[in-house]
Amino acid sequence: MVVSAPRGGSGRGVGPLAIGTIVLAVIVLALTGLTRACSFSPTAPTVDRGSVQRIDVAQAGRDALGAVPFAVRAPAMPPDWIAQSTDVRPVGGGRAFRLGWVTPESAFVRLVQSDAPEDALVTSEQGAPPALGPIAAGGHTWTTYRGVRGEAVWVTDVAGVRWLLTGDASPARFTQLAETTAGSPVVPRG
């Protein structure tokens, strides 16, 4: 008579359920580490300002000069603004130099400087929102749009360069960035 071992996995080591649980725990711990700068809030997202990546805007402006054919500005915002993102990318047959900040209220605003046509630039940042009325800020008239997630979009042309502001910051913060940018010198080449 041959007796076979009972089925059910007892005595055979770690089963698939235990392995799956371990893998799931590792994934949850990894995601927790990656999102430590954010926390859940039922009314609005919050930002841990101490763990936001910071960039040097002046250096980003100098670095952009080799990648764009137009004059750029690197506005020096007050210390309670956190400069946290920058890149240069192709847009509508032109190039765009982008700088992003977290405002003192933990909102976000981005300045884009480009030689792309306005419609291509707006589309690259916020889809295809309808134009709203003009607004004056920083000595310039801006065309305004309402982008995705209700974010504001302001666009103007300054000395042959198209500027776009976008984000969820207040109009007062958009105006502050517009004024500071307009008052900033062009980053010298060479």
N, C-alpha and C. Protein backbone atom coordinates (compact mmCIF):
# COMPACT_ATOMS: atom_id res chain seq x y z
N MET A 1 0.83 -1.15 0.00
CA MET A 1 0.00 0.00 0.00
C MET A 1 0.89 1.24 0.00
N VAL A 2 0.58 2.18 -0.91
CA VAL A 2 1.34 3.42 -1.04
C VAL A 2 0.52 4.54 -0.42
N VAL A 3 1.15 5.25 0.48
CA VAL A 3 0.47 6.39 1.11
C VAL A 3 1.08 7.67 0.55
N SER A 4 0.24 8.55 0.02
CA SER A 4 0.75 9.82 -0.52
C SER A 4 0.67 10.90 0.54
N ALA A 5 1.54 11.90 0.39
CA ALA A 5 1.55 13.01 1.34
C ALA A 5 0.28 13.83 1.18
N PRO A 6 -0.24 14.34 2.28
CA PRO A 6 -1.45 15.15 2.17
C PRO A 6 -1.19 16.45 1.41
N ARG A 7 -2.20 16.87 0.69
CA ARG A 7 -2.08 18.14 -0.03
C ARG A 7 -2.45 19.30 0.88
N GLY A 8 -2.03 20.46 0.52
CA GLY A 8 -2.37 21.63 1.33
C GLY A 8 -1.15 22.44 1.69
N GLY A 9 0.02 21.99 1.37
CA GLY A 9 1.22 22.80 1.52
C GLY A 9 1.85 22.76 2.88
N SER A 10 1.29 22.11 3.88
CA SER A 10 1.93 22.12 5.18
C SER A 10 3.23 21.36 5.11
N GLY A 11 4.25 21.98 5.67
CA GLY A 11 5.55 21.34 5.67
C GLY A 11 6.33 21.53 4.38
N ARG A 12 5.85 22.34 3.45
CA ARG A 12 6.55 22.53 2.18
C ARG A 12 7.20 23.90 2.06
N GLY A 13 7.39 24.65 3.09
CA GLY A 13 8.04 25.95 3.01
C GLY A 13 7.03 27.08 2.85
N VAL A 14 7.50 28.17 2.33
CA VAL A 14 6.68 29.37 2.17
C VAL A 14 5.77 29.20 0.96
N GLY A 15 4.50 29.44 1.15
CA GLY A 15 3.53 29.29 0.08
C GLY A 15 3.36 30.56 -0.73
N PRO A 16 2.65 30.46 -1.83
CA PRO A 16 2.43 31.63 -2.70
C PRO A 16 1.75 32.79 -1.99
N LEU A 17 0.87 32.53 -1.06
CA LEU A 17 0.18 33.60 -0.34
C LEU A 17 1.17 34.41 0.50
N ALA A 18 2.08 33.72 1.16
CA ALA A 18 3.09 34.42 1.97
C ALA A 18 4.02 35.24 1.08
N ILE A 19 4.43 34.70 -0.05
CA ILE A 19 5.30 35.42 -0.97
C ILE A 19 4.59 36.67 -1.50
N GLY A 20 3.33 36.53 -1.88
CA GLY A 20 2.55 37.67 -2.36
C GLY A 20 2.42 38.76 -1.30
N THR A 21 2.23 38.35 -0.05
CA THR A 21 2.11 39.32 1.04
C THR A 21 3.42 40.08 1.23
N ILE A 22 4.53 39.38 1.15
CA ILE A 22 5.84 40.03 1.30
C ILE A 22 6.08 41.02 0.17
N VAL A 23 5.77 40.62 -1.06
CA VAL A 23 5.95 41.52 -2.21
C VAL A 23 5.07 42.75 -2.06
N LEU A 24 3.82 42.56 -1.66
CA LEU A 24 2.91 43.69 -1.47
C LEU A 24 3.43 44.63 -0.38
N ALA A 25 3.96 44.09 0.71
CA ALA A 25 4.49 44.93 1.78
C ALA A 25 5.67 45.76 1.29
N VAL A 26 6.54 45.18 0.46
CA VAL A 26 7.68 45.91 -0.08
C VAL A 26 7.20 47.05 -0.98
N ILE A 27 6.20 46.80 -1.81
CA ILE A 27 5.66 47.83 -2.71
C ILE A 27 5.06 48.98 -1.89
N VAL A 28 4.29 48.67 -0.87
CA VAL A 28 3.67 49.70 -0.03
C VAL A 28 4.75 50.54 0.65
N LEU A 29 5.78 49.90 1.18
CA LEU A 29 6.86 50.65 1.83
C LEU A 29 7.60 51.54 0.83
N ALA A 30 7.82 51.06 -0.39
CA ALA A 30 8.49 51.87 -1.41
C ALA A 30 7.65 53.08 -1.78
N LEU A 31 6.35 52.88 -1.98
CA LEU A 31 5.48 54.01 -2.32
C LEU A 31 5.40 55.01 -1.18
N THR A 32 5.40 54.54 0.04
CA THR A 32 5.38 55.44 1.19
C THR A 32 6.63 56.31 1.19
N GLY A 33 7.77 55.74 0.89
CA GLY A 33 9.02 56.51 0.84
C GLY A 33 9.03 57.51 -0.28
N LEU A 34 8.48 57.14 -1.46
CA LEU A 34 8.48 58.05 -2.60
C LEU A 34 7.54 59.22 -2.42
N THR A 35 6.49 59.06 -1.64
CA THR A 35 5.49 60.12 -1.51
C THR A 35 5.57 60.84 -0.18
N ARG A 36 6.71 60.80 0.48
CA ARG A 36 6.80 61.40 1.80
C ARG A 36 6.62 62.92 1.78
N ALA A 37 6.77 63.56 0.60
CA ALA A 37 6.59 65.01 0.53
C ALA A 37 5.13 65.41 0.48
N CYS A 38 4.23 64.46 0.34
CA CYS A 38 2.81 64.74 0.26
C CYS A 38 2.07 63.98 1.35
N SER A 39 0.93 64.50 1.71
CA SER A 39 0.09 63.79 2.67
C SER A 39 -1.35 63.96 2.27
N PHE A 40 -2.20 63.08 2.76
CA PHE A 40 -3.62 63.15 2.42
C PHE A 40 -4.29 64.22 3.25
N SER A 41 -5.10 65.00 2.60
CA SER A 41 -5.91 65.99 3.28
C SER A 41 -7.25 66.00 2.57
N PRO A 42 -8.36 65.87 3.30
CA PRO A 42 -9.65 65.80 2.62
C PRO A 42 -10.04 67.06 1.86
N THR A 43 -9.44 68.21 2.18
CA THR A 43 -9.82 69.44 1.49
C THR A 43 -8.88 69.77 0.35
N ALA A 44 -7.59 69.56 0.52
CA ALA A 44 -6.61 69.89 -0.52
C ALA A 44 -5.30 69.19 -0.20
N PRO A 45 -4.48 68.95 -1.23
CA PRO A 45 -3.18 68.33 -0.94
C PRO A 45 -2.29 69.29 -0.16
N THR A 46 -1.42 68.72 0.64
CA THR A 46 -0.46 69.52 1.37
C THR A 46 0.95 69.11 0.94
N VAL A 47 1.89 69.99 1.15
CA VAL A 47 3.27 69.74 0.74
C VAL A 47 4.18 69.89 1.94
N ASP A 48 5.06 68.92 2.13
CA ASP A 48 6.10 69.03 3.14
C ASP A 48 7.22 69.86 2.52
N ARG A 49 7.25 71.14 2.80
CA ARG A 49 8.19 72.07 2.15
C ARG A 49 9.65 71.69 2.43
N GLY A 50 9.91 71.01 3.53
CA GLY A 50 11.27 70.63 3.85
C GLY A 50 11.83 69.54 2.96
N SER A 51 10.96 68.77 2.32
CA SER A 51 11.46 67.67 1.49
C SER A 51 11.27 67.92 -0.01
N VAL A 52 10.88 69.13 -0.38
CA VAL A 52 10.74 69.47 -1.79
C VAL A 52 12.14 69.68 -2.38
N GLN A 53 12.37 69.08 -3.54
CA GLN A 53 13.65 69.27 -4.25
C GLN A 53 13.82 70.76 -4.57
N ARG A 54 15.02 71.27 -4.43
CA ARG A 54 15.29 72.68 -4.71
C ARG A 54 16.31 72.79 -5.84
N ILE A 55 16.11 73.80 -6.69
CA ILE A 55 17.05 74.04 -7.78
C ILE A 55 17.60 75.46 -7.69
N ASP A 56 18.69 75.70 -8.37
CA ASP A 56 19.30 77.02 -8.47
C ASP A 56 18.80 77.66 -9.76
N VAL A 57 17.91 78.64 -9.65
CA VAL A 57 17.29 79.26 -10.82
C VAL A 57 18.33 79.96 -11.70
N ALA A 58 19.28 80.65 -11.09
CA ALA A 58 20.31 81.34 -11.87
C ALA A 58 21.11 80.34 -12.70
N GLN A 59 21.48 79.23 -12.11
CA GLN A 59 22.23 78.20 -12.84
C GLN A 59 21.36 77.57 -13.93
N ALA A 60 20.09 77.34 -13.62
CA ALA A 60 19.18 76.77 -14.62
C ALA A 60 19.08 77.70 -15.83
N GLY A 61 19.04 79.02 -15.58
CA GLY A 61 19.00 79.99 -16.68
C GLY A 61 20.26 79.94 -17.52
N ARG A 62 21.41 79.86 -16.88
CA ARG A 62 22.68 79.76 -17.62
C ARG A 62 22.73 78.46 -18.43
N ASP A 63 22.28 77.37 -17.83
CA ASP A 63 22.28 76.08 -18.52
C ASP A 63 21.35 76.08 -19.73
N ALA A 64 20.23 76.79 -19.62
CA ALA A 64 19.25 76.83 -20.72
C ALA A 64 19.77 77.55 -21.95
N LEU A 65 20.70 78.47 -21.76
CA LEU A 65 21.20 79.25 -22.89
C LEU A 65 21.77 78.39 -24.02
N GLY A 66 22.37 77.26 -23.68
CA GLY A 66 22.92 76.38 -24.70
C GLY A 66 21.88 75.57 -25.44
N ALA A 67 20.64 75.58 -24.94
CA ALA A 67 19.59 74.75 -25.53
C ALA A 67 18.48 75.54 -26.21
N VAL A 68 18.48 76.87 -26.04
CA VAL A 68 17.42 77.68 -26.64
C VAL A 68 18.03 78.83 -27.43
N PRO A 69 17.37 79.25 -28.53
CA PRO A 69 17.91 80.34 -29.35
C PRO A 69 17.44 81.73 -28.95
N PHE A 70 16.73 81.86 -27.85
CA PHE A 70 16.18 83.15 -27.45
C PHE A 70 16.73 83.57 -26.10
N ALA A 71 16.51 84.84 -25.75
CA ALA A 71 16.96 85.37 -24.46
C ALA A 71 16.09 84.80 -23.34
N VAL A 72 16.72 84.46 -22.22
CA VAL A 72 15.97 83.94 -21.08
C VAL A 72 16.22 84.80 -19.85
N ARG A 73 15.28 84.73 -18.94
CA ARG A 73 15.40 85.41 -17.65
C ARG A 73 15.29 84.36 -16.55
N ALA A 74 15.97 84.60 -15.45
CA ALA A 74 15.97 83.70 -14.31
C ALA A 74 15.53 84.50 -13.08
N PRO A 75 14.22 84.69 -12.93
CA PRO A 75 13.75 85.56 -11.84
C PRO A 75 14.14 85.04 -10.46
N ALA A 76 14.64 85.93 -9.62
CA ALA A 76 15.00 85.60 -8.25
C ALA A 76 13.79 85.89 -7.37
N MET A 77 13.01 84.86 -7.08
CA MET A 77 11.83 85.02 -6.25
C MET A 77 12.25 85.08 -4.78
N PRO A 78 11.38 85.59 -3.91
CA PRO A 78 11.73 85.68 -2.48
C PRO A 78 12.05 84.29 -1.89
N PRO A 79 12.74 84.26 -0.76
CA PRO A 79 13.16 82.99 -0.17
C PRO A 79 12.01 82.05 0.20
N ASP A 80 10.80 82.59 0.43
CA ASP A 80 9.69 81.70 0.79
C ASP A 80 9.05 81.03 -0.44
N TRP A 81 9.56 81.32 -1.62
CA TRP A 81 9.20 80.59 -2.84
C TRP A 81 10.26 79.50 -3.02
N ILE A 82 9.87 78.27 -3.28
CA ILE A 82 10.83 77.19 -3.47
C ILE A 82 10.91 76.86 -4.96
N ALA A 83 12.04 77.18 -5.57
CA ALA A 83 12.27 76.81 -6.97
C ALA A 83 12.55 75.31 -6.97
N GLN A 84 11.71 74.54 -7.70
CA GLN A 84 11.84 73.10 -7.56
C GLN A 84 11.84 72.31 -8.86
N SER A 85 11.69 72.96 -10.01
CA SER A 85 11.73 72.19 -11.26
C SER A 85 12.22 73.05 -12.41
N THR A 86 12.88 72.41 -13.35
CA THR A 86 13.33 73.10 -14.56
C THR A 86 13.55 72.07 -15.65
N ASP A 87 13.30 72.48 -16.88
CA ASP A 87 13.66 71.65 -18.03
C ASP A 87 13.56 72.50 -19.29
N VAL A 88 14.11 71.98 -20.37
CA VAL A 88 13.98 72.57 -21.69
C VAL A 88 13.43 71.47 -22.58
N ARG A 89 12.39 71.81 -23.34
CA ARG A 89 11.78 70.79 -24.19
C ARG A 89 11.32 71.40 -25.51
N PRO A 90 11.19 70.56 -26.54
CA PRO A 90 10.66 71.06 -27.81
C PRO A 90 9.15 71.29 -27.72
N VAL A 91 8.70 72.38 -28.35
CA VAL A 91 7.27 72.70 -28.37
C VAL A 91 6.94 73.35 -29.70
N GLY A 92 6.04 72.78 -30.48
CA GLY A 92 5.51 73.39 -31.68
C GLY A 92 6.55 73.94 -32.64
N GLY A 93 7.62 73.24 -32.87
CA GLY A 93 8.67 73.70 -33.77
C GLY A 93 9.65 74.65 -33.11
N GLY A 94 9.45 74.95 -31.85
CA GLY A 94 10.37 75.81 -31.09
C GLY A 94 10.87 75.09 -29.87
N ARG A 95 11.33 75.85 -28.90
CA ARG A 95 11.84 75.30 -27.64
C ARG A 95 11.16 76.04 -26.49
N ALA A 96 11.11 75.40 -25.34
CA ALA A 96 10.53 76.01 -24.15
C ALA A 96 11.43 75.75 -22.96
N PHE A 97 11.77 76.82 -22.24
CA PHE A 97 12.54 76.75 -20.99
C PHE A 97 11.54 76.93 -19.86
N ARG A 98 11.43 75.92 -18.99
CA ARG A 98 10.41 75.90 -17.94
C ARG A 98 11.04 75.94 -16.56
N LEU A 99 10.47 76.78 -15.69
CA LEU A 99 10.87 76.88 -14.29
C LEU A 99 9.62 76.77 -13.43
N GLY A 100 9.69 75.97 -12.37
CA GLY A 100 8.53 75.82 -11.49
C GLY A 100 8.86 76.11 -10.04
N TRP A 101 7.89 76.70 -9.33
CA TRP A 101 8.04 77.06 -7.92
C TRP A 101 6.87 76.54 -7.10
N VAL A 102 7.15 76.28 -5.83
CA VAL A 102 6.11 76.10 -4.82
C VAL A 102 6.01 77.44 -4.10
N THR A 103 4.82 78.01 -4.04
CA THR A 103 4.63 79.32 -3.42
C THR A 103 4.59 79.19 -1.89
N PRO A 104 4.61 80.30 -1.18
CA PRO A 104 4.53 80.24 0.29
C PRO A 104 3.28 79.52 0.80
N GLU A 105 2.22 79.51 0.00
CA GLU A 105 0.98 78.83 0.38
C GLU A 105 0.98 77.37 -0.06
N SER A 106 2.10 76.89 -0.58
CA SER A 106 2.25 75.52 -1.09
C SER A 106 1.43 75.26 -2.35
N ALA A 107 1.16 76.31 -3.11
CA ALA A 107 0.58 76.17 -4.44
C ALA A 107 1.74 76.06 -5.43
N PHE A 108 1.42 75.79 -6.68
CA PHE A 108 2.46 75.63 -7.69
C PHE A 108 2.25 76.64 -8.81
N VAL A 109 3.35 77.19 -9.32
CA VAL A 109 3.29 78.07 -10.49
C VAL A 109 4.53 77.82 -11.34
N ARG A 110 4.32 77.83 -12.65
CA ARG A 110 5.41 77.59 -13.61
C ARG A 110 5.52 78.77 -14.55
N LEU A 111 6.77 79.17 -14.85
CA LEU A 111 7.08 80.16 -15.87
C LEU A 111 7.68 79.41 -17.04
N VAL A 112 7.11 79.61 -18.23
CA VAL A 112 7.65 79.01 -19.45
C VAL A 112 8.05 80.14 -20.38
N GLN A 113 9.29 80.09 -20.89
CA GLN A 113 9.78 81.06 -21.85
C GLN A 113 10.04 80.29 -23.14
N SER A 114 9.50 80.80 -24.27
CA SER A 114 9.54 79.99 -25.48
C SER A 114 9.53 80.85 -26.74
N ASP A 115 9.92 80.19 -27.85
CA ASP A 115 9.77 80.80 -29.17
C ASP A 115 8.69 80.07 -29.96
N ALA A 116 7.91 79.21 -29.31
CA ALA A 116 6.83 78.47 -29.97
C ALA A 116 5.62 79.38 -30.17
N PRO A 117 4.78 79.07 -31.16
CA PRO A 117 3.53 79.82 -31.33
C PRO A 117 2.65 79.67 -30.08
N GLU A 118 1.84 80.70 -29.80
CA GLU A 118 1.03 80.70 -28.59
C GLU A 118 0.13 79.47 -28.48
N ASP A 119 -0.56 79.11 -29.56
CA ASP A 119 -1.48 77.97 -29.46
C ASP A 119 -0.74 76.67 -29.14
N ALA A 120 0.43 76.47 -29.74
CA ALA A 120 1.21 75.26 -29.45
C ALA A 120 1.73 75.26 -28.02
N LEU A 121 2.15 76.43 -27.53
CA LEU A 121 2.67 76.53 -26.18
C LEU A 121 1.57 76.26 -25.15
N VAL A 122 0.42 76.89 -25.32
CA VAL A 122 -0.70 76.69 -24.40
C VAL A 122 -1.12 75.22 -24.42
N THR A 123 -1.24 74.64 -25.61
CA THR A 123 -1.63 73.23 -25.73
C THR A 123 -0.63 72.31 -25.04
N SER A 124 0.66 72.60 -25.16
CA SER A 124 1.67 71.75 -24.54
C SER A 124 1.60 71.78 -23.02
N GLU A 125 1.11 72.86 -22.46
CA GLU A 125 1.04 73.00 -21.01
C GLU A 125 -0.32 72.62 -20.44
N GLN A 126 -1.41 72.93 -21.17
CA GLN A 126 -2.74 72.80 -20.57
C GLN A 126 -3.81 72.30 -21.53
N GLY A 127 -3.47 71.60 -22.57
CA GLY A 127 -4.49 71.15 -23.51
C GLY A 127 -4.90 72.29 -24.41
N ALA A 128 -6.19 72.39 -24.70
CA ALA A 128 -6.69 73.44 -25.60
C ALA A 128 -7.81 74.23 -24.92
N PRO A 129 -7.48 74.99 -23.87
CA PRO A 129 -8.53 75.74 -23.18
C PRO A 129 -8.96 76.96 -23.98
N PRO A 130 -10.19 77.43 -23.76
CA PRO A 130 -10.63 78.65 -24.43
C PRO A 130 -9.97 79.88 -23.80
N ALA A 131 -9.72 80.89 -24.64
CA ALA A 131 -9.15 82.14 -24.14
C ALA A 131 -10.20 82.90 -23.36
N LEU A 132 -9.75 83.54 -22.29
CA LEU A 132 -10.62 84.40 -21.49
C LEU A 132 -10.18 85.85 -21.73
N GLY A 133 -10.52 86.74 -20.86
CA GLY A 133 -10.16 88.14 -21.05
C GLY A 133 -8.70 88.42 -20.74
N PRO A 134 -8.23 89.59 -21.19
CA PRO A 134 -6.84 89.99 -20.91
C PRO A 134 -6.68 90.48 -19.48
N ILE A 135 -5.45 90.45 -19.00
CA ILE A 135 -5.12 90.97 -17.68
C ILE A 135 -3.78 91.69 -17.79
N ALA A 136 -3.62 92.76 -17.02
CA ALA A 136 -2.35 93.50 -17.03
C ALA A 136 -1.56 93.13 -15.78
N ALA A 137 -0.27 92.80 -16.00
CA ALA A 137 0.62 92.49 -14.87
C ALA A 137 2.06 92.63 -15.33
N GLY A 138 2.90 93.18 -14.48
CA GLY A 138 4.31 93.31 -14.80
C GLY A 138 4.58 94.20 -15.99
N GLY A 139 3.69 95.15 -16.26
CA GLY A 139 3.88 96.06 -17.38
C GLY A 139 3.51 95.46 -18.73
N HIS A 140 2.84 94.32 -18.74
CA HIS A 140 2.46 93.65 -19.99
C HIS A 140 1.00 93.23 -19.92
N THR A 141 0.40 93.07 -21.09
CA THR A 141 -0.96 92.55 -21.17
C THR A 141 -0.88 91.06 -21.48
N TRP A 142 -1.56 90.27 -20.67
CA TRP A 142 -1.53 88.81 -20.77
C TRP A 142 -2.88 88.30 -21.26
N THR A 143 -2.86 87.36 -22.19
CA THR A 143 -4.08 86.63 -22.56
C THR A 143 -4.24 85.53 -21.52
N THR A 144 -5.45 85.37 -21.00
CA THR A 144 -5.67 84.37 -19.95
C THR A 144 -6.50 83.21 -20.47
N TYR A 145 -6.28 82.06 -19.88
CA TYR A 145 -7.01 80.83 -20.20
C TYR A 145 -7.32 80.12 -18.88
N ARG A 146 -8.29 79.23 -18.91
CA ARG A 146 -8.55 78.34 -17.77
C ARG A 146 -8.22 76.94 -18.24
N GLY A 147 -7.14 76.37 -17.69
CA GLY A 147 -6.64 75.07 -18.13
C GLY A 147 -7.26 73.91 -17.37
N VAL A 148 -6.64 72.74 -17.54
CA VAL A 148 -7.12 71.53 -16.88
C VAL A 148 -7.05 71.70 -15.37
N ARG A 149 -7.94 71.02 -14.66
CA ARG A 149 -8.04 71.09 -13.20
C ARG A 149 -8.26 72.52 -12.71
N GLY A 150 -8.78 73.39 -13.60
CA GLY A 150 -9.06 74.76 -13.21
C GLY A 150 -7.83 75.65 -13.07
N GLU A 151 -6.67 75.17 -13.51
CA GLU A 151 -5.46 75.98 -13.38
C GLU A 151 -5.48 77.17 -14.33
N ALA A 152 -4.94 78.27 -13.86
CA ALA A 152 -4.88 79.48 -14.68
C ALA A 152 -3.71 79.37 -15.66
N VAL A 153 -3.86 80.06 -16.79
CA VAL A 153 -2.81 80.18 -17.80
C VAL A 153 -2.79 81.63 -18.24
N TRP A 154 -1.61 82.26 -18.17
CA TRP A 154 -1.42 83.62 -18.67
C TRP A 154 -0.32 83.58 -19.71
N VAL A 155 -0.53 84.29 -20.84
CA VAL A 155 0.47 84.30 -21.92
C VAL A 155 0.68 85.72 -22.41
N THR A 156 1.95 86.09 -22.63
CA THR A 156 2.30 87.39 -23.21
C THR A 156 3.58 87.26 -24.00
N ASP A 157 3.86 88.25 -24.82
CA ASP A 157 5.12 88.30 -25.58
C ASP A 157 5.96 89.46 -25.05
N VAL A 158 7.25 89.19 -24.83
CA VAL A 158 8.17 90.21 -24.32
C VAL A 158 9.46 90.13 -25.12
N ALA A 159 9.72 91.17 -25.90
CA ALA A 159 10.98 91.28 -26.67
C ALA A 159 11.26 90.03 -27.49
N GLY A 160 10.25 89.54 -28.19
CA GLY A 160 10.44 88.39 -29.08
C GLY A 160 10.40 87.04 -28.40
N VAL A 161 10.11 87.01 -27.11
CA VAL A 161 10.01 85.75 -26.36
C VAL A 161 8.60 85.65 -25.80
N ARG A 162 8.01 84.48 -25.94
CA ARG A 162 6.66 84.26 -25.39
C ARG A 162 6.79 83.73 -23.97
N TRP A 163 6.09 84.35 -23.03
CA TRP A 163 6.08 83.91 -21.64
C TRP A 163 4.71 83.31 -21.34
N LEU A 164 4.71 82.23 -20.60
CA LEU A 164 3.47 81.60 -20.15
C LEU A 164 3.61 81.31 -18.66
N LEU A 165 2.60 81.66 -17.90
CA LEU A 165 2.51 81.31 -16.48
C LEU A 165 1.35 80.34 -16.34
N THR A 166 1.52 79.30 -15.54
CA THR A 166 0.43 78.37 -15.29
C THR A 166 0.59 77.76 -13.91
N GLY A 167 -0.49 77.25 -13.37
CA GLY A 167 -0.45 76.60 -12.07
C GLY A 167 -1.72 76.86 -11.28
N ASP A 168 -1.69 76.41 -10.03
CA ASP A 168 -2.86 76.58 -9.18
C ASP A 168 -2.68 77.68 -8.14
N ALA A 169 -1.65 78.50 -8.31
CA ALA A 169 -1.40 79.62 -7.39
C ALA A 169 -2.46 80.71 -7.58
N SER A 170 -2.53 81.61 -6.64
CA SER A 170 -3.50 82.70 -6.69
C SER A 170 -3.10 83.74 -7.76
N PRO A 171 -4.06 84.55 -8.21
CA PRO A 171 -3.72 85.62 -9.15
C PRO A 171 -2.65 86.57 -8.58
N ALA A 172 -2.65 86.79 -7.28
CA ALA A 172 -1.64 87.66 -6.67
C ALA A 172 -0.24 87.06 -6.86
N ARG A 173 -0.11 85.74 -6.76
CA ARG A 173 1.19 85.10 -6.95
C ARG A 173 1.59 85.10 -8.42
N PHE A 174 0.62 84.94 -9.32
CA PHE A 174 0.92 85.07 -10.75
C PHE A 174 1.46 86.47 -11.03
N THR A 175 0.79 87.49 -10.48
CA THR A 175 1.22 88.87 -10.68
C THR A 175 2.62 89.08 -10.11
N GLN A 176 2.90 88.53 -8.94
CA GLN A 176 4.22 88.66 -8.34
C GLN A 176 5.29 88.05 -9.24
N LEU A 177 5.02 86.86 -9.79
CA LEU A 177 5.99 86.23 -10.68
C LEU A 177 6.13 87.03 -11.98
N ALA A 178 5.02 87.54 -12.52
CA ALA A 178 5.07 88.35 -13.74
C ALA A 178 5.93 89.60 -13.53
N GLU A 179 5.72 90.29 -12.40
CA GLU A 179 6.47 91.51 -12.11
C GLU A 179 7.95 91.22 -11.88
N THR A 180 8.25 90.15 -11.15
CA THR A 180 9.64 89.82 -10.88
C THR A 180 10.36 89.42 -12.17
N THR A 181 9.69 88.65 -13.01
CA THR A 181 10.29 88.23 -14.28
C THR A 181 10.54 89.44 -15.17
N ALA A 182 9.55 90.33 -15.26
CA ALA A 182 9.70 91.53 -16.10
C ALA A 182 10.85 92.41 -15.61
N GLY A 183 11.07 92.43 -14.30
CA GLY A 183 12.13 93.24 -13.75
C GLY A 183 13.49 92.55 -13.71
N SER A 184 13.55 91.31 -14.13
CA SER A 184 14.80 90.55 -14.11
C SER A 184 15.60 90.81 -15.37
N PRO A 185 16.91 90.87 -15.26
CA PRO A 185 17.73 91.05 -16.45
C PRO A 185 17.78 89.77 -17.29
N VAL A 186 18.06 89.95 -18.56
CA VAL A 186 18.28 88.80 -19.44
C VAL A 186 19.57 88.13 -19.01
N VAL A 187 19.57 86.79 -18.97
CA VAL A 187 20.78 86.05 -18.59
C VAL A 187 21.82 86.25 -19.69
N PRO A 188 23.01 86.76 -19.35
CA PRO A 188 24.02 87.02 -20.40
C PRO A 188 24.58 85.74 -21.01
N ARG A 189 24.78 85.77 -22.30
CA ARG A 189 25.40 84.62 -23.00
C ARG A 189 26.92 84.75 -22.89
N GLY A 190 27.56 83.59 -22.73
CA GLY A 190 29.02 83.55 -22.72
C GLY A 190 29.55 83.99 -21.46
